[in-house]
Amino acid sequence: MEENENGKLLIDSVQLRFGDNVVLQSAYVTSYKGRVTGVLGRNGTGKSCLFKCILDEPFSNIAPIYDEKIRALIQEQKANKGII
């Protein structure tokens, strides 16, 4: 994972295995400064595993009272950073 001088956050070739079971293979995500990037897919396609490998899931196990505060913080920060 790297962020370059253009404000581009690049996650390239993430792989995850549990023994012989390949969970992620060559996962690739790019996010740009000033944008919020979503990762979409069906259940079981490895979205949660990808986030566990890379920037954590900001809304997992968060009390509902903090949910709105975190979302507001993300909106503030997206002007200067790429957010996935």
PDB file of N, CA and C in Angstrom:
ATOM      1  N   MET A   1       0.854  -1.157   0.000  1.00  0.00           N
ATOM      2  CA  MET A   1       0.000   0.000   0.000  1.00  0.00           C
ATOM      3  C   MET A   1       0.899   1.219   0.000  1.00  0.00           C
ATOM      4  N   GLU A   2       0.590   2.191  -0.854  1.00  0.00           N
ATOM      5  CA  GLU A   2       1.400   3.392  -0.915  1.00  0.00           C
ATOM      6  C   GLU A   2       0.535   4.574  -1.315  1.00  0.00           C
ATOM      7  N   GLU A   3       0.950   5.766  -0.900  1.00  0.00           N
ATOM      8  CA  GLU A   3       0.305   6.988  -1.354  1.00  0.00           C
ATOM      9  C   GLU A   3       1.376   7.811  -2.037  1.00  0.00           C
ATOM     10  N   ASN A   4       1.144   8.200  -3.292  1.00  0.00           N
ATOM     11  CA  ASN A   4       2.157   8.949  -4.015  1.00  0.00           C
ATOM     12  C   ASN A   4       1.889  10.449  -3.960  1.00  0.00           C
ATOM     13  N   GLU A   5       2.723  11.227  -4.623  1.00  0.00           N
ATOM     14  CA  GLU A   5       2.643  12.686  -4.566  1.00  0.00           C
ATOM     15  C   GLU A   5       1.367  13.236  -5.179  1.00  0.00           C
ATOM     16  N   ASN A   6       0.665  12.476  -5.977  1.00  0.00           N
ATOM     17  CA  ASN A   6      -0.587  12.921  -6.584  1.00  0.00           C
ATOM     18  C   ASN A   6      -1.797  12.639  -5.706  1.00  0.00           C
ATOM     19  N   GLY A   7      -1.573  12.136  -4.502  1.00  0.00           N
ATOM     20  CA  GLY A   7      -2.683  11.832  -3.609  1.00  0.00           C
ATOM     21  C   GLY A   7      -3.423  10.566  -3.981  1.00  0.00           C
ATOM     22  N   LYS A   8      -2.757   9.656  -4.660  1.00  0.00           N
ATOM     23  CA  LYS A   8      -3.356   8.392  -5.073  1.00  0.00           C
ATOM     24  C   LYS A   8      -2.931   7.302  -4.097  1.00  0.00           C
ATOM     25  N   LEU A   9      -3.903   6.610  -3.507  1.00  0.00           N
ATOM     26  CA  LEU A   9      -3.628   5.494  -2.612  1.00  0.00           C
ATOM     27  C   LEU A   9      -3.792   4.217  -3.421  1.00  0.00           C
ATOM     28  N   LEU A  10      -2.741   3.418  -3.472  1.00  0.00           N
ATOM     29  CA  LEU A  10      -2.731   2.218  -4.294  1.00  0.00           C
ATOM     30  C   LEU A  10      -2.530   0.986  -3.422  1.00  0.00           C
ATOM     31  N   ILE A  11      -3.450   0.053  -3.542  1.00  0.00           N
ATOM     32  CA  ILE A  11      -3.324  -1.255  -2.897  1.00  0.00           C
ATOM     33  C   ILE A  11      -3.186  -2.250  -4.037  1.00  0.00           C
ATOM     34  N   ASP A  12      -2.044  -2.909  -4.100  1.00  0.00           N
ATOM     35  CA  ASP A  12      -1.720  -3.703  -5.284  1.00  0.00           C
ATOM     36  C   ASP A  12      -1.317  -5.121  -4.896  1.00  0.00           C
ATOM     37  N   SER A  13      -1.938  -6.086  -5.520  1.00  0.00           N
ATOM     38  CA  SER A  13      -1.585  -7.502  -5.398  1.00  0.00           C
ATOM     39  C   SER A  13      -1.678  -8.047  -3.976  1.00  0.00           C
ATOM     40  N   VAL A  14      -2.745  -7.690  -3.263  1.00  0.00           N
ATOM     41  CA  VAL A  14      -2.959  -8.235  -1.919  1.00  0.00           C
ATOM     42  C   VAL A  14      -3.384  -9.686  -2.058  1.00  0.00           C
ATOM     43  N   GLN A  15      -2.722 -10.545  -1.302  1.00  0.00           N
ATOM     44  CA  GLN A  15      -3.058 -11.964  -1.303  1.00  0.00           C
ATOM     45  C   GLN A  15      -3.226 -12.444   0.126  1.00  0.00           C
ATOM     46  N   LEU A  16      -4.170 -13.358   0.334  1.00  0.00           N
ATOM     47  CA  LEU A  16      -4.407 -13.925   1.655  1.00  0.00           C
ATOM     48  C   LEU A  16      -4.748 -15.394   1.498  1.00  0.00           C
ATOM     49  N   ARG A  17      -4.072 -16.215   2.289  1.00  0.00           N
ATOM     50  CA  ARG A  17      -4.307 -17.668   2.285  1.00  0.00           C
ATOM     51  C   ARG A  17      -4.515 -18.155   3.710  1.00  0.00           C
ATOM     52  N   PHE A  18      -5.330 -19.158   3.825  1.00  0.00           N
ATOM     53  CA  PHE A  18      -5.460 -19.917   5.060  1.00  0.00           C
ATOM     54  C   PHE A  18      -5.106 -21.345   4.689  1.00  0.00           C
ATOM     55  N   GLY A  19      -3.859 -21.708   4.911  1.00  0.00           N
ATOM     56  CA  GLY A  19      -3.381 -23.012   4.464  1.00  0.00           C
ATOM     57  C   GLY A  19      -3.388 -23.074   2.954  1.00  0.00           C
ATOM     58  N   ASP A  20      -4.065 -24.067   2.393  1.00  0.00           N
ATOM     59  CA  ASP A  20      -4.166 -24.200   0.940  1.00  0.00           C
ATOM     60  C   ASP A  20      -5.326 -23.401   0.347  1.00  0.00           C
ATOM     61  N   ASN A  21      -6.164 -22.819   1.212  1.00  0.00           N
ATOM     62  CA  ASN A  21      -7.336 -22.074   0.763  1.00  0.00           C
ATOM     63  C   ASN A  21      -6.959 -20.626   0.443  1.00  0.00           C
ATOM     64  N   VAL A  22      -7.030 -20.243  -0.827  1.00  0.00           N
ATOM     65  CA  VAL A  22      -6.730 -18.874  -1.251  1.00  0.00           C
ATOM     66  C   VAL A  22      -7.993 -18.045  -1.076  1.00  0.00           C
ATOM     67  N   VAL A  23      -7.916 -17.025  -0.190  1.00  0.00           N
ATOM     68  CA  VAL A  23      -9.063 -16.169   0.086  1.00  0.00           C
ATOM     69  C   VAL A  23      -9.034 -14.939  -0.815  1.00  0.00           C
ATOM     70  N   LEU A  24      -7.868 -14.349  -0.971  1.00  0.00           N
ATOM     71  CA  LEU A  24      -7.678 -13.207  -1.870  1.00  0.00           C
ATOM     72  C   LEU A  24      -6.507 -13.505  -2.786  1.00  0.00           C
ATOM     73  N   GLN A  25      -6.664 -13.138  -4.045  1.00  0.00           N
ATOM     74  CA  GLN A  25      -5.576 -13.323  -4.991  1.00  0.00           C
ATOM     75  C   GLN A  25      -5.516 -12.092  -5.893  1.00  0.00           C
ATOM     76  N   SER A  26      -4.407 -11.381  -5.822  1.00  0.00           N
ATOM     77  CA  SER A  26      -4.171 -10.206  -6.657  1.00  0.00           C
ATOM     78  C   SER A  26      -5.247  -9.134  -6.519  1.00  0.00           C
ATOM     79  N   ALA A  27      -5.662  -8.852  -5.281  1.00  0.00           N
ATOM     80  CA  ALA A  27      -6.640  -7.785  -5.042  1.00  0.00           C
ATOM     81  C   ALA A  27      -5.973  -6.443  -5.301  1.00  0.00           C
ATOM     82  N   TYR A  28      -6.707  -5.551  -5.966  1.00  0.00           N
ATOM     83  CA  TYR A  28      -6.156  -4.279  -6.397  1.00  0.00           C
ATOM     84  C   TYR A  28      -7.222  -3.205  -6.201  1.00  0.00           C
ATOM     85  N   VAL A  29      -6.886  -2.122  -5.487  1.00  0.00           N
ATOM     86  CA  VAL A  29      -7.810  -1.008  -5.255  1.00  0.00           C
ATOM     87  C   VAL A  29      -7.028   0.290  -5.374  1.00  0.00           C
ATOM     88  N   THR A  30      -7.627   1.290  -6.002  1.00  0.00           N
ATOM     89  CA  THR A  30      -7.021   2.616  -6.090  1.00  0.00           C
ATOM     90  C   THR A  30      -8.020   3.636  -5.584  1.00  0.00           C
ATOM     91  N   SER A  31      -7.549   4.559  -4.762  1.00  0.00           N
ATOM     92  CA  SER A  31      -8.373   5.654  -4.269  1.00  0.00           C
ATOM     93  C   SER A  31      -7.608   6.952  -4.493  1.00  0.00           C
ATOM     94  N   TYR A  32      -8.334   8.020  -4.749  1.00  0.00           N
ATOM     95  CA  TYR A  32      -7.715   9.309  -5.037  1.00  0.00           C
ATOM     96  C   TYR A  32      -8.100  10.343  -3.995  1.00  0.00           C
ATOM     97  N   LYS A  33      -7.206  11.292  -3.764  1.00  0.00           N
ATOM     98  CA  LYS A  33      -7.465  12.382  -2.829  1.00  0.00           C
ATOM     99  C   LYS A  33      -8.759  13.085  -3.216  1.00  0.00           C
ATOM    100  N   GLY A  34      -9.596  13.338  -2.212  1.00  0.00           N
ATOM    101  CA  GLY A  34     -10.852  14.027  -2.453  1.00  0.00           C
ATOM    102  C   GLY A  34     -12.010  13.121  -2.816  1.00  0.00           C
ATOM    103  N   ARG A  35     -11.788  11.814  -2.813  1.00  0.00           N
ATOM    104  CA  ARG A  35     -12.837  10.849  -3.140  1.00  0.00           C
ATOM    105  C   ARG A  35     -12.986   9.826  -2.039  1.00  0.00           C
ATOM    106  N   VAL A  36     -14.182   9.285  -1.912  1.00  0.00           N
ATOM    107  CA  VAL A  36     -14.425   8.141  -1.043  1.00  0.00           C
ATOM    108  C   VAL A  36     -14.661   6.958  -1.963  1.00  0.00           C
ATOM    109  N   THR A  37     -13.874   5.903  -1.806  1.00  0.00           N
ATOM    110  CA  THR A  37     -13.953   4.727  -2.665  1.00  0.00           C
ATOM    111  C   THR A  37     -14.632   3.592  -1.910  1.00  0.00           C
ATOM    112  N   GLY A  38     -15.622   2.985  -2.515  1.00  0.00           N
ATOM    113  CA  GLY A  38     -16.313   1.851  -1.910  1.00  0.00           C
ATOM    114  C   GLY A  38     -15.855   0.548  -2.530  1.00  0.00           C
ATOM    115  N   VAL A  39     -15.898  -0.512  -1.757  1.00  0.00           N
ATOM    116  CA  VAL A  39     -15.576  -1.847  -2.256  1.00  0.00           C
ATOM    117  C   VAL A  39     -16.862  -2.658  -2.183  1.00  0.00           C
ATOM    118  N   LEU A  40     -17.339  -3.080  -3.342  1.00  0.00           N
ATOM    119  CA  LEU A  40     -18.612  -3.786  -3.434  1.00  0.00           C
ATOM    120  C   LEU A  40     -18.395  -5.218  -3.910  1.00  0.00           C
ATOM    121  N   GLY A  41     -19.291  -6.090  -3.501  1.00  0.00           N
ATOM    122  CA  GLY A  41     -19.240  -7.474  -3.956  1.00  0.00           C
ATOM    123  C   GLY A  41     -20.208  -8.333  -3.174  1.00  0.00           C
ATOM    124  N   ARG A  42     -20.471  -9.484  -3.695  1.00  0.00           N
ATOM    125  CA  ARG A  42     -21.371 -10.430  -3.029  1.00  0.00           C
ATOM    126  C   ARG A  42     -20.767 -10.930  -1.725  1.00  0.00           C
ATOM    127  N   ASN A  43     -21.601 -11.522  -0.901  1.00  0.00           N
ATOM    128  CA  ASN A  43     -21.123 -12.160   0.329  1.00  0.00           C
ATOM    129  C   ASN A  43     -20.095 -13.229  -0.027  1.00  0.00           C
ATOM    130  N   GLY A  44     -19.018 -13.244   0.748  1.00  0.00           N
ATOM    131  CA  GLY A  44     -18.017 -14.281   0.565  1.00  0.00           C
ATOM    132  C   GLY A  44     -16.982 -13.987  -0.505  1.00  0.00           C
ATOM    133  N   THR A  45     -16.956 -12.767  -1.042  1.00  0.00           N
ATOM    134  CA  THR A  45     -15.978 -12.458  -2.088  1.00  0.00           C
ATOM    135  C   THR A  45     -14.677 -11.888  -1.540  1.00  0.00           C
ATOM    136  N   GLY A  46     -14.570 -11.684  -0.231  1.00  0.00           N
ATOM    137  CA  GLY A  46     -13.306 -11.279   0.361  1.00  0.00           C
ATOM    138  C   GLY A  46     -13.189  -9.810   0.753  1.00  0.00           C
ATOM    139  N   LYS A  47     -14.304  -9.074   0.762  1.00  0.00           N
ATOM    140  CA  LYS A  47     -14.246  -7.651   1.131  1.00  0.00           C
ATOM    141  C   LYS A  47     -13.714  -7.469   2.547  1.00  0.00           C
ATOM    142  N   SER A  48     -14.241  -8.145   3.491  1.00  0.00           N
ATOM    143  CA  SER A  48     -13.798  -8.021   4.885  1.00  0.00           C
ATOM    144  C   SER A  48     -12.364  -8.478   5.048  1.00  0.00           C
ATOM    145  N   CYS A  49     -11.996  -9.532   4.369  1.00  0.00           N
ATOM    146  CA  CYS A  49     -10.610 -10.009   4.430  1.00  0.00           C
ATOM    147  C   CYS A  49      -9.660  -8.965   3.863  1.00  0.00           C
ATOM    148  N   LEU A  50     -10.058  -8.301   2.783  1.00  0.00           N
ATOM    149  CA  LEU A  50      -9.232  -7.248   2.202  1.00  0.00           C
ATOM    150  C   LEU A  50      -9.001  -6.136   3.216  1.00  0.00           C
ATOM    151  N   PHE A  51     -10.059  -5.689   3.889  1.00  0.00           N
ATOM    152  CA  PHE A  51      -9.911  -4.619   4.869  1.00  0.00           C
ATOM    153  C   PHE A  51      -9.093  -5.057   6.078  1.00  0.00           C
ATOM    154  N   LYS A  52      -9.192  -6.302   6.440  1.00  0.00           N
ATOM    155  CA  LYS A  52      -8.364  -6.789   7.549  1.00  0.00           C
ATOM    156  C   LYS A  52      -6.890  -6.813   7.163  1.00  0.00           C
ATOM    157  N   CYS A  53      -6.613  -7.012   5.876  1.00  0.00           N
ATOM    158  CA  CYS A  53      -5.227  -7.013   5.400  1.00  0.00           C
ATOM    159  C   CYS A  53      -4.646  -5.609   5.334  1.00  0.00           C
ATOM    160  N   ILE A  54      -5.489  -4.584   4.921  1.00  0.00           N
ATOM    161  CA  ILE A  54      -4.980  -3.246   4.715  1.00  0.00           C
ATOM    162  C   ILE A  54      -5.331  -2.311   5.825  1.00  0.00           C
ATOM    163  N   LEU A  55      -6.331  -0.412   6.009  1.00  0.00           N
ATOM    164  CA  LEU A  55      -6.760   0.807   6.662  1.00  0.00           C
ATOM    165  C   LEU A  55      -7.875   0.571   7.590  1.00  0.00           C
ATOM    166  N   ASP A  56      -8.381  -1.338   8.259  1.00  0.00           N
ATOM    167  CA  ASP A  56      -9.400  -1.677   9.219  1.00  0.00           C
ATOM    168  C   ASP A  56     -10.755  -1.180   8.711  1.00  0.00           C
ATOM    169  N   GLU A  57     -11.852  -1.770   9.236  1.00  0.00           N
ATOM    170  CA  GLU A  57     -13.201  -1.348   8.883  1.00  0.00           C
ATOM    171  C   GLU A  57     -13.669  -0.353   9.936  1.00  0.00           C
ATOM    172  N   PRO A  58     -13.838   0.907   9.568  1.00  0.00           N
ATOM    173  CA  PRO A  58     -14.134   1.925  10.571  1.00  0.00           C
ATOM    174  C   PRO A  58     -15.480   1.772  11.257  1.00  0.00           C
ATOM    175  N   PHE A  59     -16.419   1.046  10.665  1.00  0.00           N
ATOM    176  CA  PHE A  59     -17.741   0.952  11.265  1.00  0.00           C
ATOM    177  C   PHE A  59     -18.027  -0.391  11.930  1.00  0.00           C
ATOM    178  N   SER A  60     -17.063  -1.324  11.881  1.00  0.00           N
ATOM    179  CA  SER A  60     -17.329  -2.603  12.527  1.00  0.00           C
ATOM    180  C   SER A  60     -17.189  -2.449  14.039  1.00  0.00           C
ATOM    181  N   ASN A  61     -18.127  -2.966  14.737  1.00  0.00           N
ATOM    182  CA  ASN A  61     -18.144  -2.953  16.207  1.00  0.00           C
ATOM    183  C   ASN A  61     -18.132  -1.549  16.804  1.00  0.00           C
ATOM    184  N   ILE A  62     -18.681  -0.571  16.092  1.00  0.00           N
ATOM    185  CA  ILE A  62     -18.767   0.792  16.591  1.00  0.00           C
ATOM    186  C   ILE A  62     -20.181   1.027  17.119  1.00  0.00           C
ATOM    187  N   ALA A  63     -20.262   1.626  18.295  1.00  0.00           N
ATOM    188  CA  ALA A  63     -21.566   1.961  18.856  1.00  0.00           C
ATOM    189  C   ALA A  63     -22.264   2.960  17.934  1.00  0.00           C
ATOM    190  N   PRO A  64     -23.585   2.826  17.770  1.00  0.00           N
ATOM    191  CA  PRO A  64     -24.314   3.717  16.860  1.00  0.00           C
ATOM    192  C   PRO A  64     -24.110   5.206  17.135  1.00  0.00           C
ATOM    193  N   ILE A  65     -23.875   5.569  18.379  1.00  0.00           N
ATOM    194  CA  ILE A  65     -23.690   6.983  18.718  1.00  0.00           C
ATOM    195  C   ILE A  65     -22.453   7.580  18.045  1.00  0.00           C
ATOM    196  N   TYR A  66     -21.458   6.741  17.780  1.00  0.00           N
ATOM    197  CA  TYR A  66     -20.227   7.222  17.151  1.00  0.00           C
ATOM    198  C   TYR A  66     -20.267   7.147  15.632  1.00  0.00           C
ATOM    199  N   ASP A  67     -21.216   6.416  15.090  1.00  0.00           N
ATOM    200  CA  ASP A  67     -21.320   6.232  13.646  1.00  0.00           C
ATOM    201  C   ASP A  67     -21.383   7.579  12.917  1.00  0.00           C
ATOM    202  N   GLU A  68     -22.253   8.472  13.348  1.00  0.00           N
ATOM    203  CA  GLU A  68     -22.406   9.777  12.694  1.00  0.00           C
ATOM    204  C   GLU A  68     -21.132  10.612  12.809  1.00  0.00           C
ATOM    205  N   LYS A  69     -20.467  10.556  13.949  1.00  0.00           N
ATOM    206  CA  LYS A  69     -19.230  11.310  14.136  1.00  0.00           C
ATOM    207  C   LYS A  69     -18.133  10.818  13.193  1.00  0.00           C
ATOM    208  N   ILE A  70     -18.040   9.509  13.027  1.00  0.00           N
ATOM    209  CA  ILE A  70     -17.028   8.944  12.138  1.00  0.00           C
ATOM    210  C   ILE A  70     -17.323   9.323  10.691  1.00  0.00           C
ATOM    211  N   ARG A  71     -18.588   9.248  10.303  1.00  0.00           N
ATOM    212  CA  ARG A  71     -18.953   9.626   8.934  1.00  0.00           C
ATOM    213  C   ARG A  71     -18.627  11.097   8.664  1.00  0.00           C
ATOM    214  N   ALA A  72     -18.876  11.965   9.631  1.00  0.00           N
ATOM    215  CA  ALA A  72     -18.550  13.388   9.466  1.00  0.00           C
ATOM    216  C   ALA A  72     -17.040  13.587   9.334  1.00  0.00           C
ATOM    217  N   LEU A  73     -16.274  12.860  10.125  1.00  0.00           N
ATOM    218  CA  LEU A  73     -14.818  12.942  10.059  1.00  0.00           C
ATOM    219  C   LEU A  73     -14.309  12.508   8.680  1.00  0.00           C
ATOM    220  N   ILE A  74     -14.888  11.441   8.146  1.00  0.00           N
ATOM    221  CA  ILE A  74     -14.496  10.976   6.820  1.00  0.00           C
ATOM    222  C   ILE A  74     -14.776  12.051   5.776  1.00  0.00           C
ATOM    223  N   GLN A  75     -15.929  12.693   5.859  1.00  0.00           N
ATOM    224  CA  GLN A  75     -16.255  13.748   4.909  1.00  0.00           C
ATOM    225  C   GLN A  75     -15.269  14.909   4.996  1.00  0.00           C
ATOM    226  N   GLU A  76     -14.834  15.252   6.204  1.00  0.00           N
ATOM    227  CA  GLU A  76     -13.849  16.308   6.380  1.00  0.00           C
ATOM    228  C   GLU A  76     -12.505  15.923   5.779  1.00  0.00           C
ATOM    229  N   GLN A  77     -12.080  14.695   6.027  1.00  0.00           N
ATOM    230  CA  GLN A  77     -10.754  14.247   5.630  1.00  0.00           C
ATOM    231  C   GLN A  77     -10.637  13.942   4.144  1.00  0.00           C
ATOM    232  N   LYS A  78     -11.741  13.662   3.469  1.00  0.00           N
ATOM    233  CA  LYS A  78     -11.649  13.238   2.069  1.00  0.00           C
ATOM    234  C   LYS A  78     -11.116  14.334   1.160  1.00  0.00           C
ATOM    235  N   ALA A  79     -11.174  15.587   1.585  1.00  0.00           N
ATOM    236  CA  ALA A  79     -10.638  16.673   0.761  1.00  0.00           C
ATOM    237  C   ALA A  79      -9.108  16.587   0.636  1.00  0.00           C
ATOM    238  N   ASN A  80      -8.456  15.987   1.626  1.00  0.00           N
ATOM    239  CA  ASN A  80      -6.994  15.927   1.652  1.00  0.00           C
ATOM    240  C   ASN A  80      -6.438  14.530   1.479  1.00  0.00           C
ATOM    241  N   LYS A  81      -7.278  13.514   1.510  1.00  0.00           N
ATOM    242  CA  LYS A  81      -6.804  12.127   1.507  1.00  0.00           C
ATOM    243  C   LYS A  81      -7.699  11.254   0.668  1.00  0.00           C
ATOM    244  N   GLY A  82      -7.180  10.151   0.203  1.00  0.00           N
ATOM    245  CA  GLY A  82      -8.011   9.117  -0.402  1.00  0.00           C
ATOM    246  C   GLY A  82      -8.499   8.204   0.700  1.00  0.00           C
ATOM    247  N   ILE A  83      -9.767   7.874   0.684  1.00  0.00           N
ATOM    248  CA  ILE A  83     -10.351   7.047   1.739  1.00  0.00           C
ATOM    249  C   ILE A  83     -11.022   5.845   1.112  1.00  0.00           C
ATOM    250  N   ILE A  84     -10.712   4.678   1.639  1.00  0.00           N
ATOM    251  CA  ILE A  84     -11.354   3.450   1.156  1.00  0.00           C
ATOM    252  C   ILE A  84     -12.199   2.910   2.275  1.00  0.00           C
TER     253      ILE A  84
END
